[in-house]
Amino acid sequence: MKAVEIFRIKKTFGPNSSEAIRKEAEDLINKKHYKGYRLITTSFAIEAGKIYAFITMKRPNTY
């Protein structure tokens, strides 16, 4: 079993899309945190009209 899991969220870039993806990333982080995951990194990128959020979390009960 892998100790680290990477989640990706993708949205089309437009008005208020940065706020929408930030909120979606925050909700995912909170949901996973309550299941025992620990946050390692979060990063955002814009490429080809899309905005991405990459969230790296450590799975529960792994070393």
PDB file of N, CA and C in Angstrom:
ATOM      1  N   MET A   1       0.834  -1.168   0.000  1.00  0.00           N
ATOM      2  CA  MET A   1       0.000   0.000   0.000  1.00  0.00           C
ATOM      3  C   MET A   1       0.890   1.245   0.000  1.00  0.00           C
ATOM      4  N   LYS A   2       0.539   2.219  -0.815  1.00  0.00           N
ATOM      5  CA  LYS A   2       1.298   3.460  -0.893  1.00  0.00           C
ATOM      6  C   LYS A   2       1.012   4.330   0.318  1.00  0.00           C
ATOM      7  N   ALA A   3       2.040   5.029   0.777  1.00  0.00           N
ATOM      8  CA  ALA A   3       1.898   5.874   1.953  1.00  0.00           C
ATOM      9  C   ALA A   3       1.393   7.267   1.610  1.00  0.00           C
ATOM     10  N   VAL A   4       1.558   7.681   0.344  1.00  0.00           N
ATOM     11  CA  VAL A   4       1.186   9.028  -0.067  1.00  0.00           C
ATOM     12  C   VAL A   4       0.161   8.949  -1.183  1.00  0.00           C
ATOM     13  N   GLU A   5      -0.816   9.839  -1.156  1.00  0.00           N
ATOM     14  CA  GLU A   5      -1.835   9.892  -2.199  1.00  0.00           C
ATOM     15  C   GLU A   5      -1.897  11.318  -2.741  1.00  0.00           C
ATOM     16  N   ILE A   6      -1.998  11.444  -4.072  1.00  0.00           N
ATOM     17  CA  ILE A   6      -2.071  12.748  -4.715  1.00  0.00           C
ATOM     18  C   ILE A   6      -3.448  12.902  -5.341  1.00  0.00           C
ATOM     19  N   PHE A   7      -4.095  14.010  -5.022  1.00  0.00           N
ATOM     20  CA  PHE A   7      -5.421  14.313  -5.562  1.00  0.00           C
ATOM     21  C   PHE A   7      -5.273  15.477  -6.532  1.00  0.00           C
ATOM     22  N   ARG A   8      -6.025  15.436  -7.628  1.00  0.00           N
ATOM     23  CA  ARG A   8      -5.989  16.515  -8.614  1.00  0.00           C
ATOM     24  C   ARG A   8      -7.402  17.011  -8.862  1.00  0.00           C
ATOM     25  N   ILE A   9      -7.561  18.321  -8.827  1.00  0.00           N
ATOM     26  CA  ILE A   9      -8.840  18.950  -9.136  1.00  0.00           C
ATOM     27  C   ILE A   9      -8.598  19.837 -10.354  1.00  0.00           C
ATOM     28  N   LYS A  10      -9.488  19.778 -11.338  1.00  0.00           N
ATOM     29  CA  LYS A  10      -9.327  20.557 -12.560  1.00  0.00           C
ATOM     30  C   LYS A  10     -10.602  21.328 -12.844  1.00  0.00           C
ATOM     31  N   LYS A  11     -10.462  22.596 -13.185  1.00  0.00           N
ATOM     32  CA  LYS A  11     -11.593  23.443 -13.553  1.00  0.00           C
ATOM     33  C   LYS A  11     -11.202  24.282 -14.758  1.00  0.00           C
ATOM     34  N   THR A  12     -12.192  24.662 -15.563  1.00  0.00           N
ATOM     35  CA  THR A  12     -11.965  25.582 -16.660  1.00  0.00           C
ATOM     36  C   THR A  12     -11.766  26.981 -16.090  1.00  0.00           C
ATOM     37  N   PHE A  13     -10.750  27.674 -16.579  1.00  0.00           N
ATOM     38  CA  PHE A  13     -10.440  29.004 -16.072  1.00  0.00           C
ATOM     39  C   PHE A  13     -11.487  30.003 -16.537  1.00  0.00           C
ATOM     40  N   GLY A  14     -12.019  30.766 -15.624  1.00  0.00           N
ATOM     41  CA  GLY A  14     -13.032  31.775 -15.920  1.00  0.00           C
ATOM     42  C   GLY A  14     -13.225  32.672 -14.717  1.00  0.00           C
ATOM     43  N   PRO A  15     -14.248  33.516 -14.749  1.00  0.00           N
ATOM     44  CA  PRO A  15     -14.513  34.396 -13.610  1.00  0.00           C
ATOM     45  C   PRO A  15     -14.772  33.575 -12.337  1.00  0.00           C
ATOM     46  N   ASN A  16     -14.124  33.957 -11.273  1.00  0.00           N
ATOM     47  CA  ASN A  16     -14.273  33.319  -9.953  1.00  0.00           C
ATOM     48  C   ASN A  16     -13.838  31.857  -9.919  1.00  0.00           C
ATOM     49  N   SER A  17     -13.138  31.364 -10.937  1.00  0.00           N
ATOM     50  CA  SER A  17     -12.721  29.963 -10.922  1.00  0.00           C
ATOM     51  C   SER A  17     -11.637  29.711  -9.878  1.00  0.00           C
ATOM     52  N   SER A  18     -10.782  30.712  -9.616  1.00  0.00           N
ATOM     53  CA  SER A  18      -9.751  30.511  -8.600  1.00  0.00           C
ATOM     54  C   SER A  18     -10.375  30.367  -7.214  1.00  0.00           C
ATOM     55  N   GLU A  19     -11.416  31.114  -6.944  1.00  0.00           N
ATOM     56  CA  GLU A  19     -12.104  30.992  -5.654  1.00  0.00           C
ATOM     57  C   GLU A  19     -12.837  29.652  -5.557  1.00  0.00           C
ATOM     58  N   ALA A  20     -13.431  29.206  -6.657  1.00  0.00           N
ATOM     59  CA  ALA A  20     -14.161  27.930  -6.668  1.00  0.00           C
ATOM     60  C   ALA A  20     -13.226  26.755  -6.449  1.00  0.00           C
ATOM     61  N   ILE A  21     -12.059  26.762  -7.103  1.00  0.00           N
ATOM     62  CA  ILE A  21     -11.132  25.640  -6.940  1.00  0.00           C
ATOM     63  C   ILE A  21     -10.488  25.671  -5.551  1.00  0.00           C
ATOM     64  N   ARG A  22     -10.263  26.876  -5.007  1.00  0.00           N
ATOM     65  CA  ARG A  22      -9.732  26.973  -3.647  1.00  0.00           C
ATOM     66  C   ARG A  22     -10.704  26.370  -2.645  1.00  0.00           C
ATOM     67  N   LYS A  23     -11.985  26.680  -2.802  1.00  0.00           N
ATOM     68  CA  LYS A  23     -13.012  26.149  -1.899  1.00  0.00           C
ATOM     69  C   LYS A  23     -13.123  24.633  -2.032  1.00  0.00           C
ATOM     70  N   GLU A  24     -13.076  24.130  -3.271  1.00  0.00           N
ATOM     71  CA  GLU A  24     -13.163  22.683  -3.486  1.00  0.00           C
ATOM     72  C   GLU A  24     -11.945  21.966  -2.894  1.00  0.00           C
ATOM     73  N   ALA A  25     -10.761  22.563  -3.047  1.00  0.00           N
ATOM     74  CA  ALA A  25      -9.548  21.976  -2.467  1.00  0.00           C
ATOM     75  C   ALA A  25      -9.625  21.969  -0.941  1.00  0.00           C
ATOM     76  N   GLU A  26     -10.094  23.060  -0.364  1.00  0.00           N
ATOM     77  CA  GLU A  26     -10.231  23.148   1.089  1.00  0.00           C
ATOM     78  C   GLU A  26     -11.207  22.097   1.610  1.00  0.00           C
ATOM     79  N   ASP A  27     -12.318  21.910   0.936  1.00  0.00           N
ATOM     80  CA  ASP A  27     -13.304  20.905   1.351  1.00  0.00           C
ATOM     81  C   ASP A  27     -12.717  19.496   1.272  1.00  0.00           C
ATOM     82  N   LEU A  28     -11.961  19.206   0.202  1.00  0.00           N
ATOM     83  CA  LEU A  28     -11.337  17.888   0.062  1.00  0.00           C
ATOM     84  C   LEU A  28     -10.316  17.644   1.164  1.00  0.00           C
ATOM     85  N   ILE A  29      -9.503  18.653   1.455  1.00  0.00           N
ATOM     86  CA  ILE A  29      -8.496  18.523   2.514  1.00  0.00           C
ATOM     87  C   ILE A  29      -9.165  18.268   3.859  1.00  0.00           C
ATOM     88  N   ASN A  30     -10.214  19.014   4.175  1.00  0.00           N
ATOM     89  CA  ASN A  30     -10.919  18.817   5.447  1.00  0.00           C
ATOM     90  C   ASN A  30     -11.553  17.430   5.518  1.00  0.00           C
ATOM     91  N   LYS A  31     -12.177  16.989   4.421  1.00  0.00           N
ATOM     92  CA  LYS A  31     -12.820  15.677   4.394  1.00  0.00           C
ATOM     93  C   LYS A  31     -11.805  14.560   4.630  1.00  0.00           C
ATOM     94  N   LYS A  32     -10.669  14.643   3.954  1.00  0.00           N
ATOM     95  CA  LYS A  32      -9.631  13.615   4.102  1.00  0.00           C
ATOM     96  C   LYS A  32      -8.968  13.692   5.472  1.00  0.00           C
ATOM     97  N   HIS A  33      -8.800  14.901   5.996  1.00  0.00           N
ATOM     98  CA  HIS A  33      -8.180  15.067   7.313  1.00  0.00           C
ATOM     99  C   HIS A  33      -8.991  14.351   8.390  1.00  0.00           C
ATOM    100  N   TYR A  34     -10.314  14.453   8.324  1.00  0.00           N
ATOM    101  CA  TYR A  34     -11.163  13.786   9.312  1.00  0.00           C
ATOM    102  C   TYR A  34     -11.116  12.276   9.178  1.00  0.00           C
ATOM    103  N   LYS A  35     -10.657  11.767   8.022  1.00  0.00           N
ATOM    104  CA  LYS A  35     -10.490  10.326   7.839  1.00  0.00           C
ATOM    105  C   LYS A  35      -9.102   9.861   8.275  1.00  0.00           C
ATOM    106  N   GLY A  36      -8.253  10.784   8.740  1.00  0.00           N
ATOM    107  CA  GLY A  36      -6.938  10.420   9.253  1.00  0.00           C
ATOM    108  C   GLY A  36      -5.776  10.777   8.345  1.00  0.00           C
ATOM    109  N   TYR A  37      -6.034  11.371   7.195  1.00  0.00           N
ATOM    110  CA  TYR A  37      -4.952  11.774   6.294  1.00  0.00           C
ATOM    111  C   TYR A  37      -4.257  13.007   6.855  1.00  0.00           C
ATOM    112  N   ARG A  38      -2.965  13.173   6.488  1.00  0.00           N
ATOM    113  CA  ARG A  38      -2.223  14.364   6.878  1.00  0.00           C
ATOM    114  C   ARG A  38      -1.763  15.088   5.617  1.00  0.00           C
ATOM    115  N   LEU A  39      -1.907  16.383   5.591  1.00  0.00           N
ATOM    116  CA  LEU A  39      -1.544  17.201   4.434  1.00  0.00           C
ATOM    117  C   LEU A  39      -0.033  17.340   4.334  1.00  0.00           C
ATOM    118  N   ILE A  40       0.498  17.119   3.123  1.00  0.00           N
ATOM    119  CA  ILE A  40       1.921  17.328   2.868  1.00  0.00           C
ATOM    120  C   ILE A  40       2.105  18.636   2.093  1.00  0.00           C
ATOM    121  N   THR A  41       1.511  18.737   0.897  1.00  0.00           N
ATOM    122  CA  THR A  41       1.614  19.974   0.111  1.00  0.00           C
ATOM    123  C   THR A  41       0.332  20.218  -0.674  1.00  0.00           C
ATOM    124  N   THR A  42       0.144  21.471  -1.039  1.00  0.00           N
ATOM    125  CA  THR A  42      -0.933  21.875  -1.934  1.00  0.00           C
ATOM    126  C   THR A  42      -0.349  22.891  -2.902  1.00  0.00           C
ATOM    127  N   SER A  43      -0.627  22.711  -4.195  1.00  0.00           N
ATOM    128  CA  SER A  43      -0.155  23.683  -5.172  1.00  0.00           C
ATOM    129  C   SER A  43      -1.216  23.885  -6.243  1.00  0.00           C
ATOM    130  N   PHE A  44      -1.162  25.042  -6.863  1.00  0.00           N
ATOM    131  CA  PHE A  44      -2.118  25.411  -7.901  1.00  0.00           C
ATOM    132  C   PHE A  44      -1.347  25.795  -9.157  1.00  0.00           C
ATOM    133  N   ALA A  45      -1.928  25.506 -10.331  1.00  0.00           N
ATOM    134  CA  ALA A  45      -1.289  25.845 -11.599  1.00  0.00           C
ATOM    135  C   ALA A  45      -2.351  26.199 -12.631  1.00  0.00           C
ATOM    136  N   ILE A  46      -1.983  27.074 -13.549  1.00  0.00           N
ATOM    137  CA  ILE A  46      -2.858  27.429 -14.667  1.00  0.00           C
ATOM    138  C   ILE A  46      -2.140  27.037 -15.945  1.00  0.00           C
ATOM    139  N   GLU A  47      -2.835  26.271 -16.789  1.00  0.00           N
ATOM    140  CA  GLU A  47      -2.239  25.833 -18.044  1.00  0.00           C
ATOM    141  C   GLU A  47      -3.336  25.582 -19.072  1.00  0.00           C
ATOM    142  N   ALA A  48      -3.194  26.158 -20.243  1.00  0.00           N
ATOM    143  CA  ALA A  48      -4.092  25.937 -21.381  1.00  0.00           C
ATOM    144  C   ALA A  48      -5.565  26.154 -21.024  1.00  0.00           C
ATOM    145  N   GLY A  49      -5.849  27.241 -20.337  1.00  0.00           N
ATOM    146  CA  GLY A  49      -7.237  27.573 -20.017  1.00  0.00           C
ATOM    147  C   GLY A  49      -7.848  26.766 -18.893  1.00  0.00           C
ATOM    148  N   LYS A  50      -7.062  25.999 -18.186  1.00  0.00           N
ATOM    149  CA  LYS A  50      -7.536  25.197 -17.055  1.00  0.00           C
ATOM    150  C   LYS A  50      -6.762  25.612 -15.808  1.00  0.00           C
ATOM    151  N   ILE A  51      -7.400  25.494 -14.672  1.00  0.00           N
ATOM    152  CA  ILE A  51      -6.739  25.739 -13.392  1.00  0.00           C
ATOM    153  C   ILE A  51      -6.759  24.423 -12.614  1.00  0.00           C
ATOM    154  N   TYR A  52      -5.600  24.054 -12.076  1.00  0.00           N
ATOM    155  CA  TYR A  52      -5.430  22.770 -11.394  1.00  0.00           C
ATOM    156  C   TYR A  52      -5.042  22.986  -9.940  1.00  0.00           C
ATOM    157  N   ALA A  53      -5.495  22.082  -9.094  1.00  0.00           N
ATOM    158  CA  ALA A  53      -5.043  22.016  -7.709  1.00  0.00           C
ATOM    159  C   ALA A  53      -4.469  20.621  -7.501  1.00  0.00           C
ATOM    160  N   PHE A  54      -3.244  20.555  -7.014  1.00  0.00           N
ATOM    161  CA  PHE A  54      -2.595  19.284  -6.693  1.00  0.00           C
ATOM    162  C   PHE A  54      -2.424  19.216  -5.186  1.00  0.00           C
ATOM    163  N   ILE A  55      -2.990  18.184  -4.583  1.00  0.00           N
ATOM    164  CA  ILE A  55      -2.976  18.036  -3.132  1.00  0.00           C
ATOM    165  C   ILE A  55      -2.310  16.706  -2.796  1.00  0.00           C
ATOM    166  N   THR A  56      -1.223  16.768  -2.033  1.00  0.00           N
ATOM    167  CA  THR A  56      -0.504  15.571  -1.622  1.00  0.00           C
ATOM    168  C   THR A  56      -0.767  15.334  -0.142  1.00  0.00           C
ATOM    169  N   MET A  57      -1.274  14.128   0.164  1.00  0.00           N
ATOM    170  CA  MET A  57      -1.599  13.803   1.549  1.00  0.00           C
ATOM    171  C   MET A  57      -1.023  12.431   1.922  1.00  0.00           C
ATOM    172  N   LYS A  58      -0.656  12.289   3.182  1.00  0.00           N
ATOM    173  CA  LYS A  58      -0.149  11.027   3.706  1.00  0.00           C
ATOM    174  C   LYS A  58      -1.328  10.218   4.218  1.00  0.00           C
ATOM    175  N   ARG A  59      -1.378   8.956   3.790  1.00  0.00           N
ATOM    176  CA  ARG A  59      -2.470   8.084   4.223  1.00  0.00           C
ATOM    177  C   ARG A  59      -2.406   7.802   5.719  1.00  0.00           C
ATOM    178  N   PRO A  60      -3.543   7.471   6.324  1.00  0.00           N
ATOM    179  CA  PRO A  60      -3.545   7.144   7.757  1.00  0.00           C
ATOM    180  C   PRO A  60      -2.790   5.838   8.023  1.00  0.00           C
ATOM    181  N   ASN A  61      -2.170   5.780   9.174  1.00  0.00           N
ATOM    182  CA  ASN A  61      -1.478   4.565   9.653  1.00  0.00           C
ATOM    183  C   ASN A  61      -0.374   4.092   8.731  1.00  0.00           C
ATOM    184  N   THR A  62       0.342   5.006   8.096  1.00  0.00           N
ATOM    185  CA  THR A  62       1.522   4.659   7.303  1.00  0.00           C
ATOM    186  C   THR A  62       2.711   5.424   7.847  1.00  0.00           C
ATOM    187  N   TYR A  63       3.893   4.891   7.657  1.00  0.00           N
ATOM    188  CA  TYR A  63       5.106   5.531   8.192  1.00  0.00           C
ATOM    189  C   TYR A  63       5.876   6.203   7.108  1.00  0.00           C
TER     190      TYR A  63
END
